[in-house]
Protein backbone atom coordinates (compact mmCIF):
# COMPACT_ATOMS: atom_id res chain seq x y z
CA UNK A 1 -36.64 11.52 -4.69
CA UNK A 2 -35.25 11.78 -1.14
CA UNK A 3 -35.60 8.01 -0.64
CA UNK A 4 -33.63 7.35 -3.81
CA UNK A 5 -30.90 9.78 -2.80
CA UNK A 6 -30.74 8.27 0.69
CA UNK A 7 -30.29 4.83 -0.82
CA UNK A 8 -27.51 6.07 -3.09
CA UNK A 9 -25.67 7.58 -0.13
CA UNK A 10 -26.06 4.40 1.92
CA UNK A 11 -24.91 2.24 -0.98
CA UNK A 12 -21.77 4.38 -1.23
CA UNK A 13 -20.72 3.57 2.36
CA UNK A 14 -22.75 0.53 3.45
CA UNK A 15 -20.59 -0.07 6.53
CA UNK A 16 -21.78 3.28 7.91
CA UNK A 17 -25.42 2.98 6.86
CA UNK A 18 -26.82 4.08 10.24
CA UNK A 19 -24.51 7.08 10.34
CA UNK A 20 -25.43 8.05 6.77
CA UNK A 21 -29.15 7.77 7.48
CA UNK A 22 -28.93 10.06 10.51
CA UNK A 23 -26.48 12.55 9.03
CA UNK A 24 -28.18 12.97 5.66
CA UNK A 25 -31.61 14.01 6.96
CA UNK A 26 -31.08 17.80 6.99
CA UNK A 27 -29.45 17.63 3.58
CA UNK A 28 -32.23 15.52 2.10
CA UNK A 29 -34.95 17.65 3.68
CA UNK A 30 -33.72 20.85 2.04
CA UNK A 31 -31.73 19.82 -1.00
CA UNK A 32 -33.14 16.53 -2.37
CA UNK A 33 -34.77 18.38 -5.29
CA UNK A 34 -31.61 20.28 -6.22
CA UNK A 35 -30.31 19.21 -9.64
CA UNK A 36 -26.73 19.32 -8.31
CA UNK A 37 -27.53 16.83 -5.55
CA UNK A 38 -29.21 14.47 -7.99
CA UNK A 39 -26.25 14.72 -10.36
CA UNK A 40 -23.69 13.69 -7.75
CA UNK A 41 -22.41 10.27 -8.68
CA UNK A 42 -19.35 8.05 -8.70
CA UNK A 43 -16.33 9.21 -6.65
CA UNK A 44 -17.89 12.53 -5.61
CA UNK A 45 -20.99 10.77 -4.27
CA UNK A 46 -18.63 8.51 -2.32
CA UNK A 47 -16.68 11.50 -1.02
CA UNK A 48 -19.86 13.27 0.08
CA UNK A 49 -21.22 10.16 1.76
CA UNK A 50 -17.97 9.59 3.64
CA UNK A 51 -17.71 13.24 4.64
CA UNK A 52 -21.24 13.64 6.02
CA UNK A 53 -21.44 10.23 7.69
CA UNK A 54 -18.24 10.86 9.67
CA UNK A 55 -18.96 14.49 10.52
CA UNK A 56 -22.66 15.25 10.76
CA UNK A 57 -22.19 19.04 10.88
CA UNK A 58 -21.02 18.88 7.26
CA UNK A 59 -24.48 17.80 6.11
CA UNK A 60 -26.13 20.62 8.04
CA UNK A 61 -23.72 23.16 6.58
CA UNK A 62 -24.25 21.88 3.02
CA UNK A 63 -28.01 21.96 3.43
CA UNK A 64 -27.81 25.76 3.56
CA UNK A 65 -25.17 26.11 0.82
CA UNK A 66 -26.74 25.05 -2.52
CA UNK A 67 -23.94 26.73 -4.48
CA UNK A 68 -21.45 24.54 -2.64
CA UNK A 69 -23.35 21.42 -3.70
CA UNK A 70 -23.12 22.66 -7.28
CA UNK A 71 -19.36 23.02 -6.90
CA UNK A 72 -19.09 19.47 -5.56
CA UNK A 73 -21.15 18.13 -8.46
CA UNK A 74 -18.69 19.75 -10.90
CA UNK A 75 -15.52 18.98 -8.91
CA UNK A 76 -12.56 17.28 -10.59
CA UNK A 77 -8.93 16.56 -9.76
CA UNK A 78 -8.06 20.11 -10.90
CA UNK A 79 -10.55 21.82 -8.57
CA UNK A 80 -8.04 22.41 -5.78
CA UNK A 81 -5.40 23.92 -8.05
CA UNK A 82 -8.04 26.12 -9.70
CA UNK A 83 -9.22 27.26 -6.27
CA UNK A 84 -5.63 28.03 -5.23
CA UNK A 85 -5.34 30.41 -8.18
CA UNK A 86 -8.70 31.98 -7.35
CA UNK A 87 -7.60 32.57 -3.75
CA UNK A 88 -4.81 34.84 -4.97
CA UNK A 89 -7.37 37.44 -6.02
CA UNK A 90 -9.97 36.82 -3.29
CA UNK A 91 -10.99 40.13 -1.71
CA UNK A 92 -13.54 41.61 0.68
CA UNK A 93 -16.54 43.34 -0.83
CA UNK A 94 -16.25 46.21 1.67
CA UNK A 95 -13.49 46.34 4.29
CA UNK A 96 -15.47 48.90 6.28
CA UNK A 97 -18.21 46.34 6.98
CA UNK A 98 -16.21 44.51 9.62
CA UNK A 99 -18.88 42.01 10.66
CA UNK A 100 -19.48 40.88 7.08
CA UNK A 101 -15.74 40.62 6.47
CA UNK A 102 -15.21 38.41 9.50
CA UNK A 103 -18.09 36.15 8.46
CA UNK A 104 -16.69 36.00 4.92
CA UNK A 105 -13.33 34.73 6.22
CA UNK A 106 -15.02 32.04 8.28
CA UNK A 107 -17.31 30.91 5.48
CA UNK A 108 -14.36 30.80 3.09
CA UNK A 109 -12.49 28.49 5.45
CA UNK A 110 -15.52 26.26 6.07
CA UNK A 111 -16.58 25.99 2.43
CA UNK A 112 -13.12 25.23 1.08
CA UNK A 113 -12.44 22.74 3.86
CA UNK A 114 -15.62 20.85 2.96
CA UNK A 115 -14.64 20.80 -0.72
CA UNK A 116 -11.15 19.57 0.15
CA UNK A 117 -12.49 16.89 2.50
CA UNK A 118 -14.97 15.58 -0.06
CA UNK A 119 -12.25 15.46 -2.74
CA UNK A 120 -9.84 13.62 -0.45
CA UNK A 121 -12.42 11.13 0.75
CA UNK A 122 -13.61 10.62 -2.81
CA UNK A 123 -10.08 9.52 -3.69
CA UNK A 124 -9.88 12.28 -6.30
CA UNK A 125 -7.07 14.19 -4.63
CA UNK A 126 -4.31 12.75 -2.47
CA UNK A 127 -3.90 13.62 1.18
CA UNK A 128 -0.67 15.49 0.38
CA UNK A 129 -2.49 17.61 -2.22
CA UNK A 130 -5.27 18.39 0.23
CA UNK A 131 -2.77 19.21 2.99
CA UNK A 132 -0.98 21.67 0.72
CA UNK A 133 -4.30 23.25 -0.26
CA UNK A 134 -5.40 23.64 3.37
CA UNK A 135 -2.06 25.34 4.09
CA UNK A 136 -2.54 27.80 1.22
CA UNK A 137 -6.09 28.45 2.41
CA UNK A 138 -4.81 29.23 5.92
CA UNK A 139 -2.14 31.55 4.50
CA UNK A 140 -4.69 33.38 2.37
CA UNK A 141 -7.08 33.90 5.26
CA UNK A 142 -4.23 35.14 7.46
CA UNK A 143 -3.17 37.58 4.75
CA UNK A 144 -6.71 38.89 4.32
CA UNK A 145 -7.19 39.15 8.09
CA UNK A 146 -4.00 41.21 8.25
CA UNK A 147 -5.33 43.50 5.51
CA UNK A 148 -8.48 43.92 7.56
CA UNK A 149 -6.50 44.65 10.73
CA UNK A 150 -4.43 47.29 8.95
CA UNK A 151 -7.61 48.89 7.65
CA UNK A 152 -9.22 49.09 11.09
CA UNK A 153 -6.31 49.90 13.39
CA UNK A 154 -5.97 53.65 13.28
CA UNK A 155 -2.27 54.51 13.39
CA UNK A 156 -0.43 57.71 12.57
CA UNK A 157 2.24 55.60 10.91
CA UNK A 158 1.97 51.93 9.98
CA UNK A 159 5.07 49.94 10.99
CA UNK A 160 6.67 47.17 9.00
CA UNK A 161 4.87 44.04 10.21
CA UNK A 162 5.63 40.41 9.37
CA UNK A 163 3.66 37.28 10.18
CA UNK A 164 5.74 34.11 10.40
CA UNK A 165 4.01 30.76 10.21
CA UNK A 166 5.45 27.96 12.31
CA UNK A 167 5.21 24.17 12.30
CA UNK A 168 2.65 22.60 9.97
CA UNK A 169 1.76 25.91 8.40
CA UNK A 170 5.39 26.67 7.56
CA UNK A 171 5.89 23.23 6.03
CA UNK A 172 2.55 23.26 4.15
CA UNK A 173 1.44 20.22 6.16
CA UNK A 174 -1.83 21.62 7.45
CA UNK A 175 -4.72 19.29 8.07
CA UNK A 176 -8.31 19.66 9.24
CA UNK A 177 -8.68 21.95 12.27
CA UNK A 178 -4.98 22.69 12.67
CA UNK A 179 -4.13 25.73 14.78
CA UNK A 180 -2.22 28.68 13.39
CA UNK A 181 1.16 28.86 15.14
CA UNK A 182 2.33 32.42 14.49
CA UNK A 183 4.99 34.88 15.57
CA UNK A 184 5.02 38.59 14.72
CA UNK A 185 8.06 40.74 13.86
CA UNK A 186 8.42 44.44 13.20
CA UNK A 187 11.08 47.04 12.39
CA UNK A 188 11.87 49.98 14.65
CA UNK A 189 11.84 50.97 18.28
CA UNK A 190 9.36 50.98 21.14
CA UNK A 191 6.74 53.02 19.28
CA UNK A 192 6.84 50.62 16.36
CA UNK A 193 6.51 47.63 18.68
CA UNK A 194 3.52 49.24 20.40
CA UNK A 195 1.81 49.95 17.07
CA UNK A 196 2.64 46.48 15.73
CA UNK A 197 1.25 44.92 18.90
CA UNK A 198 -2.07 46.59 18.24
CA UNK A 199 -2.04 45.14 14.74
CA UNK A 200 -1.12 41.69 16.06
CA UNK A 201 -3.86 41.73 18.68
CA UNK A 202 -6.43 42.78 16.09
CA UNK A 203 -5.20 40.08 13.69
CA UNK A 204 -5.58 37.38 16.34
CA UNK A 205 -9.06 38.65 17.18
CA UNK A 206 -10.13 38.64 13.53
CA UNK A 207 -8.98 35.04 13.14
CA UNK A 208 -9.98 33.49 16.46
CA UNK A 209 -13.08 35.35 17.71
CA UNK A 210 -16.35 33.41 17.48
CA UNK A 211 -18.95 35.02 15.22
CA UNK A 212 -22.23 33.76 13.82
CA UNK A 213 -20.22 31.99 11.12
CA UNK A 214 -17.90 30.30 13.61
CA UNK A 215 -14.13 30.72 14.03
CA UNK A 216 -11.60 31.10 11.24
CA UNK A 217 -8.66 29.52 13.12
CA UNK A 218 -7.40 29.12 16.63
CA UNK A 219 -4.15 31.05 17.02
CA UNK A 220 -1.14 30.13 19.17
CA UNK A 221 1.69 32.67 19.59
CA UNK A 222 3.63 30.92 22.36
CA UNK A 223 6.57 30.09 20.08
CA UNK A 224 7.66 33.75 20.11
CA UNK A 225 10.86 34.70 21.99
CA UNK A 226 10.43 34.06 25.74
CA UNK A 227 7.08 32.38 25.04
CA UNK A 228 4.00 33.66 26.82
CA UNK A 229 6.17 35.88 29.01
CA UNK A 230 7.57 37.81 26.04
CA UNK A 231 6.02 40.69 24.14
CA UNK A 232 3.53 39.77 21.43
CA UNK A 233 5.67 41.45 18.75
CA UNK A 234 9.46 41.38 18.52
CA UNK A 235 11.70 43.53 16.36
CA UNK A 236 13.68 41.82 13.61
CA UNK A 237 16.96 42.69 15.33
CA UNK A 238 15.78 41.54 18.77
CA UNK A 239 14.54 38.26 17.32
CA UNK A 240 17.91 37.67 15.69
CA UNK A 241 19.82 38.46 18.88
CA UNK A 242 17.56 36.23 20.95
CA UNK A 243 17.93 33.27 18.61
CA UNK A 244 21.70 33.63 18.32
CA UNK A 245 22.49 34.46 21.95
CA UNK A 246 19.76 33.22 24.30
CA UNK A 247 17.46 30.72 22.65
CA UNK A 248 17.47 27.14 23.87
CA UNK A 249 17.76 24.10 21.61
CA UNK A 250 13.99 23.54 21.49
CA UNK A 251 13.57 27.13 20.28
CA UNK A 252 16.11 26.50 17.55
CA UNK A 253 14.12 23.41 16.64
CA UNK A 254 10.97 25.51 16.30
CA UNK A 255 12.83 28.19 14.35
CA UNK A 256 13.78 25.63 11.70
CA UNK A 257 10.08 25.13 10.95
CA UNK A 258 9.32 28.78 10.23
CA UNK A 259 8.28 30.59 7.04
CA UNK A 260 7.04 34.16 6.49
CA UNK A 261 3.45 34.10 5.23
CA UNK A 262 2.08 37.66 5.39
CA UNK A 263 3.14 41.29 5.64
CA UNK A 264 6.84 42.14 5.35
CA UNK A 265 7.79 38.66 4.20
CA UNK A 266 11.03 39.62 2.44
CA UNK A 267 12.52 41.28 5.54
CA UNK A 268 11.40 38.35 7.68
CA UNK A 269 12.97 35.82 5.30
CA UNK A 270 16.26 37.71 5.32
CA UNK A 271 16.23 37.63 9.12
CA UNK A 272 15.42 33.91 9.25
CA UNK A 273 18.15 33.12 6.73
CA UNK A 274 20.70 35.11 8.70
CA UNK A 275 19.73 33.39 11.97
CA UNK A 276 20.00 29.94 10.42
CA UNK A 277 23.34 30.74 8.81
CA UNK A 278 24.61 31.78 12.23
CA UNK A 279 23.14 28.94 14.28
CA UNK A 280 23.28 25.82 12.13
CA UNK A 281 27.02 25.48 11.36
CA UNK A 282 28.72 24.07 14.42
CA UNK A 283 25.56 23.73 16.52
CA UNK A 284 26.20 21.74 19.67
CA UNK A 285 24.97 18.11 19.51
CA UNK A 286 21.24 18.48 20.21
CA UNK A 287 20.14 14.96 21.04
CA UNK A 288 20.56 14.84 24.82
CA UNK A 289 18.47 17.98 25.29
CA UNK A 290 15.87 17.05 22.67
CA UNK A 291 15.39 13.58 24.13
CA UNK A 292 14.79 15.09 27.58
CA UNK A 293 12.23 17.51 26.11
CA UNK A 294 10.52 14.71 24.23
CA UNK A 295 10.22 12.66 27.43
CA UNK A 296 8.66 15.59 29.23
CA UNK A 297 6.12 16.19 26.46
CA UNK A 298 5.29 12.51 26.35
CA UNK A 299 4.70 12.44 30.09
CA UNK A 300 2.54 15.58 30.10
CA UNK A 301 0.54 15.11 26.89
CA UNK A 302 1.19 11.66 25.47
CA UNK A 303 -0.09 9.29 28.12
CA UNK A 304 -2.29 6.58 26.59
CA UNK A 305 -5.81 6.12 27.90
CA UNK A 306 -7.65 2.82 27.79
CA UNK A 307 -9.89 3.91 24.92
CA UNK A 308 -7.53 6.04 22.80
CA UNK A 309 -4.39 5.88 20.68
CA UNK A 310 -2.26 9.02 21.03
CA UNK A 311 -0.85 9.47 17.54
CA UNK A 312 0.81 12.85 18.04
CA UNK A 313 2.54 13.21 21.39
CA UNK A 314 2.59 9.59 22.54
CA UNK A 315 5.41 7.05 21.94
CA UNK A 316 6.01 6.68 18.22
CA UNK A 317 3.74 9.61 17.44
CA UNK A 318 4.20 12.39 14.92
CA UNK A 319 6.34 14.32 17.37
CA UNK A 320 9.00 11.58 17.27
CA UNK A 321 9.47 12.22 13.55
CA UNK A 322 9.35 16.00 14.07
CA UNK A 323 12.21 15.72 16.55
CA UNK A 324 14.24 13.41 14.30
CA UNK A 325 13.92 15.81 11.37
CA UNK A 326 14.76 18.95 13.34
CA UNK A 327 17.44 17.27 15.42
CA UNK A 328 19.05 15.91 12.26
CA UNK A 329 19.28 19.41 10.79
CA UNK A 330 20.76 20.81 14.00
CA UNK A 331 23.30 17.97 14.12
CA UNK A 332 24.30 18.38 10.49
CA UNK A 333 23.97 22.13 10.41
CA UNK A 334 26.51 22.64 7.67
CA UNK A 335 23.92 21.29 5.23
CA UNK A 336 21.64 24.27 5.83
CA UNK A 337 17.86 24.13 5.77
CA UNK A 338 15.42 23.33 2.94
CA UNK A 339 13.43 26.23 1.49
CA UNK A 340 10.13 24.60 2.46
CA UNK A 341 10.56 23.33 6.03
CA UNK A 342 8.25 20.33 5.90
CA UNK A 343 9.16 17.32 8.03
CA UNK A 344 9.87 15.12 4.96
CA UNK A 345 12.06 17.81 3.36
CA UNK A 346 13.97 18.41 6.60
CA UNK A 347 14.55 14.72 7.27
CA UNK A 348 15.73 14.08 3.70
CA UNK A 349 18.00 17.11 3.98
CA UNK A 350 19.63 15.67 7.08
CA UNK A 351 19.84 12.00 6.05
CA UNK A 352 19.07 9.66 3.18
CA UNK A 353 18.48 6.01 2.46
CA UNK A 354 15.80 3.31 2.68
CA UNK A 355 15.29 3.73 6.42
CA UNK A 356 14.47 7.42 5.94
CA UNK A 357 11.94 6.67 3.20
CA UNK A 358 10.35 3.90 5.26
CA UNK A 359 10.03 6.24 8.23
CA UNK A 360 8.42 8.93 6.07
CA UNK A 361 5.92 6.43 4.70
CA UNK A 362 4.94 5.57 8.27
CA UNK A 363 4.78 9.27 9.12
CA UNK A 364 2.43 9.83 6.18
CA UNK A 365 0.10 7.09 7.34
CA UNK A 366 -0.11 8.50 10.89
CA UNK A 367 -0.81 11.95 9.45
CA UNK A 368 -3.76 10.52 7.53
CA UNK A 369 -5.08 8.97 10.74
CA UNK A 370 -4.69 12.37 12.41
CA UNK A 371 -6.66 14.00 9.58
CA UNK A 372 -9.43 11.41 9.91
CA UNK A 373 -9.68 11.86 13.70
CA UNK A 374 -9.82 15.63 13.34
CA UNK A 375 -12.40 15.49 10.56
CA UNK A 376 -14.63 13.27 12.68
CA UNK A 377 -14.30 15.36 15.85
CA UNK A 378 -14.42 18.76 14.17
CA UNK A 379 -11.49 20.00 16.26
CA UNK A 380 -7.75 19.57 16.72
CA UNK A 381 -7.67 16.33 18.71
CA UNK A 382 -4.39 14.47 19.34
CA UNK A 383 -5.72 10.94 19.80
CA UNK A 384 -7.99 8.46 18.04
CA UNK A 385 -10.80 6.88 20.02
CA UNK A 386 -10.72 3.09 19.84
CA UNK A 387 -14.42 2.43 20.32
CA UNK A 388 -15.74 0.30 17.48
CA UNK A 389 -17.83 3.04 15.88
CA UNK A 390 -14.94 5.53 15.74
CA UNK A 391 -12.52 2.93 14.40
CA UNK A 392 -14.97 1.90 11.70
CA UNK A 393 -15.48 5.52 10.63
CA UNK A 394 -11.74 6.23 10.66
CA UNK A 395 -11.16 3.10 8.59
CA UNK A 396 -13.62 4.40 6.00
CA UNK A 397 -11.75 7.69 5.81
CA UNK A 398 -8.34 6.03 5.53
CA UNK A 399 -9.73 3.45 3.07
CA UNK A 400 -8.22 0.55 4.97
CA UNK A 401 -8.92 -3.14 4.51
CA UNK A 402 -8.61 -5.42 1.45
CA UNK A 403 -12.28 -6.36 1.71
CA UNK A 404 -13.59 -2.96 2.75
CA UNK A 405 -13.01 -0.67 5.75
CA UNK A 406 -11.97 -2.61 8.83
CA UNK A 407 -11.71 -0.82 12.18
CA UNK A 408 -9.67 -3.52 13.96
CA UNK A 409 -7.28 -3.65 10.99
CA UNK A 410 -6.79 0.11 11.28
CA UNK A 411 -6.07 -0.17 14.99
CA UNK A 412 -3.56 -2.99 14.45
CA UNK A 413 -1.76 -1.09 11.73
CA UNK A 414 -1.64 2.11 13.75
CA UNK A 415 -0.27 0.34 16.82
CA UNK A 416 2.36 -1.42 14.69
CA UNK A 417 3.30 1.82 12.94
CA UNK A 418 3.67 3.76 16.18
CA UNK A 419 5.83 0.95 17.53
CA UNK A 420 8.09 1.01 14.46
CA UNK A 421 8.48 4.80 14.58
CA UNK A 422 9.44 4.58 18.25
CA UNK A 423 11.96 1.83 17.45
CA UNK A 424 13.66 4.10 14.89
CA UNK A 425 13.52 7.06 17.27
CA UNK A 426 15.17 4.98 20.01
CA UNK A 427 17.81 3.85 17.53
CA UNK A 428 18.80 7.46 16.77
CA UNK A 429 18.57 8.44 20.45
CA UNK A 430 20.88 5.60 21.48
CA UNK A 431 23.42 6.41 18.77
CA UNK A 432 23.17 10.15 19.40
CA UNK A 433 23.17 10.76 15.67
CA UNK A 434 20.77 10.91 12.74
CA UNK A 435 23.42 8.87 10.98
CA UNK A 436 21.92 5.79 12.65
CA UNK A 437 19.26 5.92 9.90
CA UNK A 438 21.93 5.56 7.23
CA UNK A 439 23.64 2.45 8.58
């Protein structure tokens, strides 16, 4: 039976036959007699073959999760939406058993990420659907980790505590192995800040500490007021004063991509709305400062190496589009801010027309390349390796090539796309206005 299953997996992705053969061994050794494995066929067999051949740890994980194989065998286009509804009521069996709770969070993230990856790479769900699902998964795990922190931090009085998601999480644009960019707000004075800091520290630990089941998410809190030099938790009123009186343009840019995701979300949303209503109308032209920041980031993090393509921070990378969207909102502040601060929503809120839609199509393609690179590496990388094996695997995951996956074709398209994004970015930078996209 294992030989027949191996052949079926290889036939699904013949261009990666050697990868499939090596990756599938632990899965075949333990699960080849499972009815669910034998029932996998069609798109889901393709999705599984692509997933395990491009990230070998997936096969090892699945080999010990027979129930997960059964879920994959039954998976359909509605699986993600059904899982989203199930996540709303997901709960710990016993909050007092801290070790088991932490493992449960990590296994939840790993299992649902595997399901999402197999569905995307099967072509059953679109990348945008999977990205939204991964964002909801991250929100849910953050909310449950906060519940756990509140249960285990012994306080005489629990302060109001809000978790604000930033960047990709705020815009529901999460992908594989994205970090959680978070800031924490509370209500009250010094005692409340001290208590809330204990909650925040525990929350970070519950998300980011390595256990036997791995890590839930890496957490970055450097977008808080005054960055790493500031306190971990800020009061609502202090956050508002800082944003309105002291924050620099790049901090306003980050603030636009913010959304409360856990805790006192209503109070946090009111604060964010008030800050934006104060800052956006009549904001000083942002482009000169943003362009200088972008150059600095590109120099520090976006330098191309001989064997990589830097799709995030390099010229024409995702950050170019991030800056265009945020800068456009700051320039045209009287238009306000979209409820869901995704890059596409922000850019469309600031400008419209064929050039905007073409840019967003290019942005979507680069995001899919980012997802493929991160799936293959199992971590939040910012560049795609251009060795032939990596390109071939990435081409399989992005489904490129009229006659099948083609690594060189993927590289040519990515280079051309990055060049076109940079051309548009330079056009706006030269004009000093997002209006250059509308001419």
